[in-house]
């Protein structure tokens, strides 16, 4: 069998119509010479005879050595056999027929495995069929021709299947490249993950190169989509990083100015104002964005060094001042110990308020406590101030005329109903008495709720 792009190998059926060269006659002088005969000695008949075809059913060799093949009920002379026995001759021509059968079997196998080669296989099958009428071989040529006809017919169907398969592969390949092109276009238009997207676009190109089977026009159109998307992404990425470079250059200039301003005031002793100024500089620093990394790190070290210089100096001054304020804290502890028991609203609200004013005046005269203890001492005097304020508020709630008047009204109504119930019971009207006592109970509840609300105000 031939393969595409290779010349067809002549089949045994196409070999010249000539018989094997006759050997020496038995018993002749030539037979007794020691020189080897040009015709190899035939193998035993049992081994030479074709294993696929019984040639005696489809041909014969007559007494003169003339070889005939029978096809369609008619005999055709195909050669002369003089090289051995009649059986060996039949086996020889049967083997040549089997060689043709092998060619046909190869065509059948190839067609089943490679329907895309149907055109070439049809040509080969037709070529073999054309040689059958002159083939120098013995076998069932009718059956063999039928097989060739089937191969030729099958190539039509196989060719259609091959076309359909090719079309399906082409459609799949187009779909894959369309998907890849669409993905590249999406990345080019939307992605800002420059490293990840750039790597993916290169991976798409690698996958693109593995896809085959698309016609040139369609493939060129798809390639243009991918190529445009890749170029668009590269331009957008380049523009982004160019903008970053411009922004970093601007940030460098801004931060160099901030460093100069920070260093200019690092020796200031205007602690509050300068601390606020450093906080403002820090806001500007964050808003400036990043300079090139190596420059940004160096500028930050300079800025932080100036800032630390100022705050270290301020902390040192505050630490020294805190030592002086420790005495004030001790003095305020003594005041608390002295006045805590004297300020007791339960023994007289007026006296408690007067003692509280004394405590507050002395508290202010003492002055500051260490910065870390300010809240602690505010809580200490605040607890005493709250004690007096709560007592004053409680007294006001209890003396609220409107609230107390409402309590008195509810209580008076409850007392009146209770008196009526007693009178009804005295007259023997138990049912009326029960109703009045139930009403009195409700009004008493109203009075209790109003009294509680007045006391909690």
Protein backbone atom coordinates (compact mmCIF):
# COMPACT_ATOMS: atom_id res chain seq x y z
CA UNK A 1 0.00 0.00 0.00
CA UNK A 2 1.26 3.53 -0.66
CA UNK A 3 1.23 6.47 1.67
CA UNK A 4 0.60 10.09 0.69
CA UNK A 5 3.44 11.77 -1.23
CA UNK A 6 5.11 8.38 -1.97
CA UNK A 7 5.05 6.67 -5.38
CA UNK A 8 2.87 3.58 -5.59
CA UNK A 9 4.79 0.31 -5.26
CA UNK A 10 3.97 -2.03 -8.11
CA UNK A 11 1.64 -4.75 -6.91
CA UNK A 12 2.21 -8.36 -7.84
CA UNK A 13 -0.80 -8.12 -10.12
CA UNK A 14 1.01 -5.56 -12.26
CA UNK A 15 4.15 -7.67 -12.79
CA UNK A 16 5.02 -8.73 -16.40
CA UNK A 17 3.15 -11.76 -17.73
CA UNK A 18 6.04 -14.16 -17.90
CA UNK A 19 6.59 -17.66 -16.47
CA UNK A 20 9.52 -18.64 -14.33
CA UNK A 21 12.62 -19.66 -16.26
CA UNK A 22 12.57 -23.46 -16.87
CA UNK A 23 15.16 -25.56 -15.05
CA UNK A 24 17.00 -28.70 -16.40
CA UNK A 25 14.92 -31.65 -17.31
CA UNK A 26 15.03 -34.59 -14.86
CA UNK A 27 17.76 -37.08 -15.70
CA UNK A 28 19.54 -34.78 -18.22
CA UNK A 29 23.26 -34.14 -18.19
CA UNK A 30 22.62 -30.58 -17.12
CA UNK A 31 20.91 -31.87 -14.01
CA UNK A 32 24.06 -33.70 -13.01
CA UNK A 33 26.38 -30.65 -13.30
CA UNK A 34 27.68 -29.17 -10.05
CA UNK A 35 27.02 -25.55 -11.11
CA UNK A 36 24.03 -24.23 -9.14
CA UNK A 37 20.87 -23.58 -11.08
CA UNK A 38 19.83 -19.88 -11.35
CA UNK A 39 16.37 -20.89 -10.09
CA UNK A 40 16.35 -21.68 -6.35
CA UNK A 41 15.22 -25.10 -5.39
CA UNK A 42 11.58 -25.04 -4.45
CA UNK A 43 10.59 -25.58 -0.86
CA UNK A 44 8.47 -28.58 0.04
CA UNK A 45 4.98 -28.25 -1.31
CA UNK A 46 3.39 -28.17 2.10
CA UNK A 47 5.38 -25.03 3.00
CA UNK A 48 5.21 -23.21 -0.34
CA UNK A 49 1.47 -23.53 -0.85
CA UNK A 50 -0.53 -20.36 -0.04
CA UNK A 51 -2.09 -20.37 3.38
CA UNK A 52 -4.92 -17.97 2.37
CA UNK A 53 -6.11 -19.41 -0.96
CA UNK A 54 -6.43 -22.87 -2.44
CA UNK A 55 -5.26 -22.10 -6.02
CA UNK A 56 -6.46 -25.48 -7.36
CA UNK A 57 -10.06 -24.18 -7.05
CA UNK A 58 -9.35 -21.23 -9.36
CA UNK A 59 -6.76 -22.43 -11.85
CA UNK A 60 -4.72 -25.32 -13.26
CA UNK A 61 -1.43 -26.31 -14.95
CA UNK A 62 -1.71 -28.71 -17.85
CA UNK A 63 0.74 -31.44 -18.84
CA UNK A 64 2.72 -29.01 -21.00
CA UNK A 65 3.18 -26.59 -18.06
CA UNK A 66 0.70 -24.01 -19.36
CA UNK A 67 -0.86 -22.10 -16.48
CA UNK A 68 -4.56 -21.07 -16.52
CA UNK A 69 -6.68 -19.02 -14.16
CA UNK A 70 -10.48 -19.40 -14.10
CA UNK A 71 -12.59 -16.29 -13.61
CA UNK A 72 -16.28 -15.86 -14.27
CA UNK A 73 -16.44 -19.42 -15.68
CA UNK A 74 -13.77 -18.71 -18.33
CA UNK A 75 -10.12 -19.71 -18.37
CA UNK A 76 -7.30 -17.33 -19.18
CA UNK A 77 -3.73 -18.41 -19.91
CA UNK A 78 -1.32 -16.54 -17.70
CA UNK A 79 2.05 -18.28 -18.18
CA UNK A 80 4.08 -21.47 -18.27
CA UNK A 81 5.47 -23.44 -15.36
CA UNK A 82 8.58 -25.62 -15.86
CA UNK A 83 10.38 -25.10 -12.55
CA UNK A 84 8.86 -27.93 -10.55
CA UNK A 85 5.81 -29.98 -9.88
CA UNK A 86 2.27 -28.94 -10.71
CA UNK A 87 1.50 -28.40 -6.96
CA UNK A 88 4.53 -26.18 -6.57
CA UNK A 89 3.46 -24.16 -9.59
CA UNK A 90 -0.06 -23.69 -8.23
CA UNK A 91 1.37 -22.68 -4.86
CA UNK A 92 3.63 -20.15 -6.59
CA UNK A 93 0.80 -18.49 -8.48
CA UNK A 94 -1.46 -18.74 -5.44
CA UNK A 95 1.15 -16.87 -3.40
CA UNK A 96 1.21 -14.11 -5.99
CA UNK A 97 -2.58 -13.84 -5.65
CA UNK A 98 -2.20 -13.69 -1.85
CA UNK A 99 0.24 -10.83 -2.29
CA UNK A 100 -2.48 -8.91 -4.12
CA UNK A 101 -4.92 -9.81 -1.33
CA UNK A 102 -2.43 -8.42 1.19
CA UNK A 103 -2.36 -5.14 -0.75
CA UNK A 104 -6.15 -4.97 -0.60
CA UNK A 105 -6.19 -5.79 3.13
CA UNK A 106 -3.73 -2.99 3.75
CA UNK A 107 -6.00 -0.61 1.88
CA UNK A 108 -8.98 -1.72 4.01
CA UNK A 109 -7.04 -1.33 7.24
CA UNK A 110 -5.66 2.07 6.23
CA UNK A 111 -9.09 3.33 5.23
CA UNK A 112 -10.57 2.33 8.59
CA UNK A 113 -7.73 4.00 10.48
CA UNK A 114 -7.25 7.07 8.27
CA UNK A 115 -10.45 8.07 6.49
CA UNK A 116 -8.81 11.40 5.71
CA UNK A 117 -6.64 9.54 3.16
CA UNK A 118 -9.72 8.29 1.27
CA UNK A 119 -8.79 10.01 -2.00
CA UNK A 120 -5.35 8.41 -2.23
CA UNK A 121 -6.67 5.05 -1.09
CA UNK A 122 -9.39 5.14 -3.76
CA UNK A 123 -6.73 5.83 -6.40
CA UNK A 124 -4.67 2.87 -5.19
CA UNK A 125 -7.71 0.59 -5.11
CA UNK A 126 -8.68 1.56 -8.64
CA UNK A 127 -5.09 0.97 -9.80
CA UNK A 128 -5.07 -2.53 -8.33
CA UNK A 129 -8.50 -3.28 -9.81
CA UNK A 130 -7.26 -2.22 -13.25
CA UNK A 131 -4.49 -4.85 -13.10
CA UNK A 132 -6.74 -7.77 -12.19
CA UNK A 133 -7.66 -8.58 -15.79
CA UNK A 134 -4.00 -9.17 -16.67
CA UNK A 135 -2.75 -10.39 -13.28
CA UNK A 136 -0.35 -13.34 -13.37
CA UNK A 137 -1.77 -15.10 -10.34
CA UNK A 138 -4.31 -17.74 -9.39
CA UNK A 139 -7.12 -17.06 -6.88
CA UNK A 140 -10.70 -15.90 -6.39
CA UNK A 141 -10.49 -12.75 -8.50
CA UNK A 142 -14.27 -12.24 -8.41
CA UNK A 143 -14.27 -12.04 -4.61
CA UNK A 144 -11.15 -9.86 -4.66
CA UNK A 145 -12.71 -7.48 -7.16
CA UNK A 146 -15.80 -7.29 -4.96
CA UNK A 147 -13.59 -6.33 -2.03
CA UNK A 148 -11.92 -3.65 -4.12
CA UNK A 149 -15.31 -2.34 -5.21
CA UNK A 150 -16.32 -2.12 -1.56
CA UNK A 151 -13.10 -0.27 -0.72
CA UNK A 152 -13.78 2.16 -3.57
CA UNK A 153 -17.38 2.63 -2.39
CA UNK A 154 -16.28 3.00 1.23
CA UNK A 155 -13.84 5.74 0.29
CA UNK A 156 -16.81 7.88 -0.71
CA UNK A 157 -18.40 7.57 2.74
CA UNK A 158 -15.02 7.79 4.46
CA UNK A 159 -14.21 10.91 2.49
CA UNK A 160 -17.46 12.51 3.66
CA UNK A 161 -16.73 11.52 7.24
CA UNK A 162 -13.21 12.88 6.88
CA UNK A 163 -14.62 16.15 5.54
CA UNK A 164 -17.06 16.36 8.46
CA UNK A 165 -14.31 15.57 10.95
CA UNK A 166 -12.04 18.13 9.35
CA UNK A 167 -14.83 20.71 9.47
CA UNK A 168 -15.47 19.88 13.13
CA UNK A 169 -11.76 20.22 13.93
CA UNK A 170 -11.68 23.49 12.05
CA UNK A 171 -14.72 24.79 13.97
CA UNK A 172 -13.18 23.72 17.27
CA UNK A 173 -9.88 25.35 16.38
CA UNK A 174 -11.66 28.56 15.38
CA UNK A 175 -13.68 28.52 18.62
CA UNK A 176 -10.50 28.06 20.68
CA UNK A 177 -8.75 30.93 18.98
CA UNK A 178 -11.85 33.13 19.24
CA UNK A 179 -11.94 32.42 22.98
CA UNK A 180 -8.24 33.22 23.31
CA UNK A 181 -8.62 36.40 21.26
CA UNK A 182 -11.60 37.52 23.38
CA UNK A 183 -9.64 36.85 26.57
CA UNK A 184 -6.69 38.86 25.25
CA UNK A 185 -9.04 41.72 24.32
CA UNK A 186 -10.59 41.70 27.79
CA UNK A 187 -7.16 41.78 29.43
CA UNK A 188 -6.06 44.56 27.10
CA UNK A 189 -9.09 46.67 27.92
CA UNK A 190 -9.75 46.03 31.60
CA UNK A 191 -6.90 44.44 33.51
CA UNK A 192 -4.62 46.51 35.74
CA UNK A 193 -2.78 43.51 37.16
CA UNK A 194 0.09 44.19 34.80
CA UNK A 195 2.37 41.29 35.74
CA UNK A 196 -0.37 38.63 35.82
CA UNK A 197 -2.06 39.91 32.66
CA UNK A 198 1.25 40.18 30.77
CA UNK A 199 2.14 36.60 31.67
CA UNK A 200 -1.30 35.40 30.58
CA UNK A 201 -1.06 37.15 27.20
CA UNK A 202 2.25 35.37 26.57
CA UNK A 203 0.67 32.06 27.60
CA UNK A 204 -2.16 32.71 25.13
CA UNK A 205 0.42 33.12 22.36
CA UNK A 206 2.06 29.80 23.29
CA UNK A 207 -1.34 28.05 23.21
CA UNK A 208 -2.26 29.86 19.99
CA UNK A 209 0.73 28.34 18.19
CA UNK A 210 -0.44 24.81 19.00
CA UNK A 211 -3.81 25.25 17.24
CA UNK A 212 -3.90 24.08 13.64
CA UNK A 213 -6.43 23.37 10.90
CA UNK A 214 -7.87 26.84 10.21
CA UNK A 215 -8.05 28.35 6.75
CA UNK A 216 -5.62 31.21 6.18
CA UNK A 217 -8.24 33.96 5.83
CA UNK A 218 -9.98 33.12 9.11
CA UNK A 219 -6.67 32.50 10.88
CA UNK A 220 -5.30 35.86 9.74
CA UNK A 221 -8.41 37.66 10.97
CA UNK A 222 -8.20 35.99 14.39
CA UNK A 223 -4.48 36.69 14.60
CA UNK A 224 -5.12 40.37 13.94
CA UNK A 225 -7.55 40.44 16.88
CA UNK A 226 -5.02 38.87 19.21
CA UNK A 227 -2.16 41.01 17.89
CA UNK A 228 -4.15 44.23 18.27
CA UNK A 229 -5.16 43.24 21.82
CA UNK A 230 -1.55 42.46 22.75
CA UNK A 231 -0.31 45.75 21.30
CA UNK A 232 -3.11 47.66 23.05
CA UNK A 233 -2.24 46.04 26.38
CA UNK A 234 1.45 46.83 25.94
CA UNK A 235 0.68 50.45 25.12
CA UNK A 236 -1.68 50.82 28.08
CA UNK A 237 0.82 49.17 30.41
CA UNK A 238 3.62 51.35 29.06
CA UNK A 239 1.50 54.45 29.53
CA UNK A 240 0.67 53.37 33.10
CA UNK A 241 4.28 52.93 34.09
CA UNK A 242 5.29 56.13 32.32
CA UNK A 243 2.65 57.93 34.37
CA UNK A 244 3.98 56.23 37.49
CA UNK A 245 7.46 57.43 36.63
CA UNK A 246 6.20 60.99 36.22
CA UNK A 247 4.29 60.71 39.49
CA UNK A 248 7.34 59.34 41.26
CA UNK A 249 9.46 62.17 39.95
CA UNK A 250 6.87 64.67 41.25
CA UNK A 251 6.68 62.83 44.59
CA UNK A 252 10.47 62.97 44.86
CA UNK A 253 10.44 66.72 44.47
CA UNK A 254 7.61 67.15 47.03
CA UNK A 255 9.30 64.90 49.58
CA UNK A 256 12.65 66.61 49.20
CA UNK A 257 10.84 69.86 50.15
CA UNK A 258 9.15 68.14 53.12
CA UNK A 259 12.52 66.85 54.34
CA UNK A 260 13.97 70.37 54.15
CA UNK A 261 11.02 71.79 56.14
CA UNK A 262 11.22 68.99 58.73
CA UNK A 263 14.95 69.55 59.24
CA UNK A 264 14.45 73.32 59.49
CA UNK A 265 12.23 73.02 62.60
CA UNK A 266 13.73 70.02 64.34
CA UNK A 267 15.40 72.22 67.00
CA UNK A 268 12.23 74.20 67.80
CA UNK A 269 11.13 74.41 71.46
CA UNK A 270 7.60 75.52 70.57
CA UNK A 271 6.46 72.08 71.49
CA UNK A 272 2.72 72.25 70.77
CA UNK A 273 2.90 74.30 67.57
CA UNK A 274 5.82 72.33 66.18
CA UNK A 275 4.19 68.98 67.01
CA UNK A 276 1.10 70.08 65.06
CA UNK A 277 3.35 71.22 62.21
CA UNK A 278 5.01 67.79 62.08
CA UNK A 279 1.58 66.13 61.97
CA UNK A 280 0.67 68.34 59.01
CA UNK A 281 3.94 67.42 57.28
CA UNK A 282 3.15 63.74 57.77
CA UNK A 283 -0.24 64.21 56.06
CA UNK A 284 1.49 65.91 53.13
CA UNK A 285 4.04 63.08 52.98
CA UNK A 286 1.33 60.43 52.69
CA UNK A 287 -0.52 62.44 50.06
CA UNK A 288 2.61 62.90 47.95
CA UNK A 289 2.72 59.29 46.79
CA UNK A 290 5.83 57.16 46.29
CA UNK A 291 9.08 58.35 44.79
CA UNK A 292 11.43 55.78 43.17
CA UNK A 293 12.03 53.10 45.82
CA UNK A 294 15.70 53.72 46.58
CA UNK A 295 15.12 57.51 46.70
CA UNK A 296 11.89 57.19 48.70
CA UNK A 297 13.54 55.07 51.40
CA UNK A 298 16.44 57.51 51.74
CA UNK A 299 14.14 60.56 51.95
CA UNK A 300 11.97 58.82 54.54
CA UNK A 301 15.00 58.14 56.72
CA UNK A 302 15.94 61.83 56.58
CA UNK A 303 12.39 62.95 57.34
CA UNK A 304 12.00 60.52 60.21
CA UNK A 305 15.39 61.48 61.64
CA UNK A 306 14.37 65.17 61.81
CA UNK A 307 11.01 64.28 63.33
CA UNK A 308 12.55 61.94 65.90
CA UNK A 309 15.09 64.61 66.84
CA UNK A 310 12.30 67.04 67.73
CA UNK A 311 10.08 64.58 69.58
CA UNK A 312 13.00 63.07 71.48
CA UNK A 313 13.90 66.58 72.69
CA UNK A 314 10.29 67.30 73.64
CA UNK A 315 9.97 63.97 75.46
CA UNK A 316 13.14 64.69 77.38
CA UNK A 317 11.75 68.07 78.51
CA UNK A 318 8.39 66.49 79.40
CA UNK A 319 10.12 63.75 81.36
CA UNK A 320 12.00 66.36 83.40
CA UNK A 321 8.80 68.32 83.93
CA UNK A 322 6.95 65.17 84.98
CA UNK A 323 9.46 64.71 87.78
CA UNK A 324 8.51 68.16 89.09
CA UNK A 325 4.81 67.32 88.78
CA UNK A 326 5.11 64.20 90.93
CA UNK A 327 5.04 66.47 94.00
CA UNK A 328 1.79 68.01 92.77
CA UNK A 329 0.28 64.54 92.47
CA UNK A 330 1.23 63.76 96.04
CA UNK A 331 -0.30 67.06 97.20
CA UNK A 332 -3.55 66.28 95.40
CA UNK A 333 -3.65 62.82 96.98
CA UNK A 334 -3.40 64.53 100.37
CA UNK A 335 -6.31 66.85 99.48
CA UNK A 336 -8.48 63.92 98.45
CA UNK A 337 -7.71 62.14 101.68
CA UNK A 338 -8.56 65.29 103.65
CA UNK A 339 -11.81 66.28 101.93
CA UNK A 340 -13.30 62.94 100.96
CA UNK A 341 -14.96 62.39 104.32
CA UNK A 342 -15.85 66.09 104.80
CA UNK A 343 -17.91 66.30 101.65
CA UNK A 344 -20.98 64.25 102.66
CA UNK A 345 -24.30 65.52 101.23
CA UNK A 346 -26.20 63.26 103.64
CA UNK A 347 -24.96 65.49 106.49
CA UNK A 348 -25.95 68.65 104.71
CA UNK A 349 -25.94 69.53 101.06
CA UNK A 350 -24.97 73.15 101.59
CA UNK A 351 -21.94 72.25 103.73
CA UNK A 352 -20.90 69.57 101.21
CA UNK A 353 -21.04 72.13 98.36
CA UNK A 354 -18.95 74.62 100.35
CA UNK A 355 -16.26 72.01 101.12
CA UNK A 356 -16.26 70.98 97.46
CA UNK A 357 -15.52 74.58 96.41
CA UNK A 358 -12.63 74.68 98.88
CA UNK A 359 -11.28 71.43 97.44
CA UNK A 360 -11.57 72.69 93.86
CA UNK A 361 -9.75 75.97 94.64
CA UNK A 362 -6.86 74.21 96.37
CA UNK A 363 -6.76 71.60 93.58
CA UNK A 364 -6.21 74.30 90.96
CA UNK A 365 -3.59 76.07 93.07
CA UNK A 366 -1.45 72.96 93.25
CA UNK A 367 -1.09 72.80 89.43
CA UNK A 368 -0.33 70.05 86.94
CA UNK A 369 0.31 66.39 87.60
CA UNK A 370 2.51 64.19 85.31
CA UNK A 371 1.04 63.76 81.81
CA UNK A 372 0.50 60.05 82.32
CA UNK A 373 -1.58 60.65 85.46
CA UNK A 374 -3.89 63.44 84.28
CA UNK A 375 -6.86 61.18 83.66
CA UNK A 376 -6.36 59.34 86.96
CA UNK A 377 -6.58 62.59 88.97
CA UNK A 378 -9.47 63.95 86.94
CA UNK A 379 -11.37 60.78 87.85
CA UNK A 380 -10.52 61.18 91.54
CA UNK A 381 -11.92 64.71 91.96
CA UNK A 382 -14.68 63.92 89.45
CA UNK A 383 -16.03 61.19 91.74
CA UNK A 384 -16.44 63.69 94.61
CA UNK A 385 -18.02 66.29 92.30
CA UNK A 386 -20.50 63.71 91.05
CA UNK A 387 -21.45 62.73 94.57
CA UNK A 388 -22.51 66.32 95.35
CA UNK A 389 -24.20 66.83 91.96
CA UNK A 390 -26.26 63.66 92.37
CA UNK A 391 -27.42 64.70 95.81
CA UNK A 392 -28.43 68.12 94.54
CA UNK A 393 -30.31 66.64 91.62
CA UNK A 394 -32.13 64.18 93.86
CA UNK A 395 -33.31 66.97 96.12
CA UNK A 396 -34.62 68.93 93.19
CA UNK A 397 -36.59 65.96 91.90
CA UNK A 398 -38.17 65.43 95.29
CA UNK A 399 -39.19 69.08 95.50
CA UNK A 400 -40.72 69.26 92.02
CA UNK A 401 -44.30 70.62 92.73
CA UNK A 402 -45.89 69.37 89.55
CA UNK A 403 -44.69 65.80 90.01
CA UNK A 404 -45.62 65.77 93.65
CA UNK A 405 -49.07 67.20 92.90
CA UNK A 406 -49.74 64.33 90.48
CA UNK A 407 -48.72 61.82 93.14
CA UNK A 408 -51.03 63.49 95.66
CA UNK A 409 -53.96 63.41 93.21
CA UNK A 410 -53.59 59.68 92.56
CA UNK A 411 -53.14 58.93 96.25
CA UNK A 412 -56.16 61.06 97.23
CA UNK A 413 -58.34 59.24 94.70
CA UNK A 414 -57.17 55.85 95.98
CA UNK A 415 -57.86 56.85 99.62
CA UNK A 416 -61.33 58.18 98.74
CA UNK A 417 -62.34 54.93 96.99
CA UNK A 418 -61.06 52.87 99.90
CA UNK A 419 -63.24 54.96 102.28
CA UNK A 420 -66.31 54.44 100.08
CA UNK A 421 -65.64 50.69 100.07
CA UNK A 422 -65.56 50.67 103.88
CA UNK A 423 -68.87 52.57 103.99
CA UNK A 424 -70.55 50.18 101.54
CA UNK A 425 -69.34 47.20 103.50
CA UNK A 426 -70.70 48.73 106.71
CA UNK A 427 -74.10 48.99 105.04
CA UNK A 428 -73.93 45.32 104.10
CA UNK A 429 -73.39 45.91 100.41
CA UNK A 430 -70.51 43.50 99.92
CA UNK A 431 -70.64 43.51 96.10
CA UNK A 432 -70.38 47.32 95.94
CA UNK A 433 -67.60 47.26 98.48
CA UNK A 434 -65.60 44.77 96.38
CA UNK A 435 -65.96 46.90 93.26
CA UNK A 436 -64.81 50.03 95.09
CA UNK A 437 -61.82 48.24 96.63
CA UNK A 438 -60.73 47.04 93.12
CA UNK A 439 -60.91 50.64 91.86
CA UNK A 440 -58.97 51.87 94.88
CA UNK A 441 -56.28 49.27 94.17
CA UNK A 442 -55.82 50.54 90.60
CA UNK A 443 -55.51 54.18 91.70
CA UNK A 444 -53.03 53.18 94.36
CA UNK A 445 -50.90 51.57 91.64
CA UNK A 446 -51.06 54.84 89.66
CA UNK A 447 -49.93 56.76 92.73
CA UNK A 448 -47.00 54.37 93.36
CA UNK A 449 -45.79 54.63 89.75
CA UNK A 450 -45.99 58.44 89.81
CA UNK A 451 -44.11 58.59 93.11
CA UNK A 452 -41.35 56.37 91.75
CA UNK A 453 -41.03 58.47 88.57
CA UNK A 454 -40.76 61.66 90.63
CA UNK A 455 -37.99 60.22 92.79
CA UNK A 456 -35.97 59.11 89.73
CA UNK A 457 -35.98 62.43 87.96
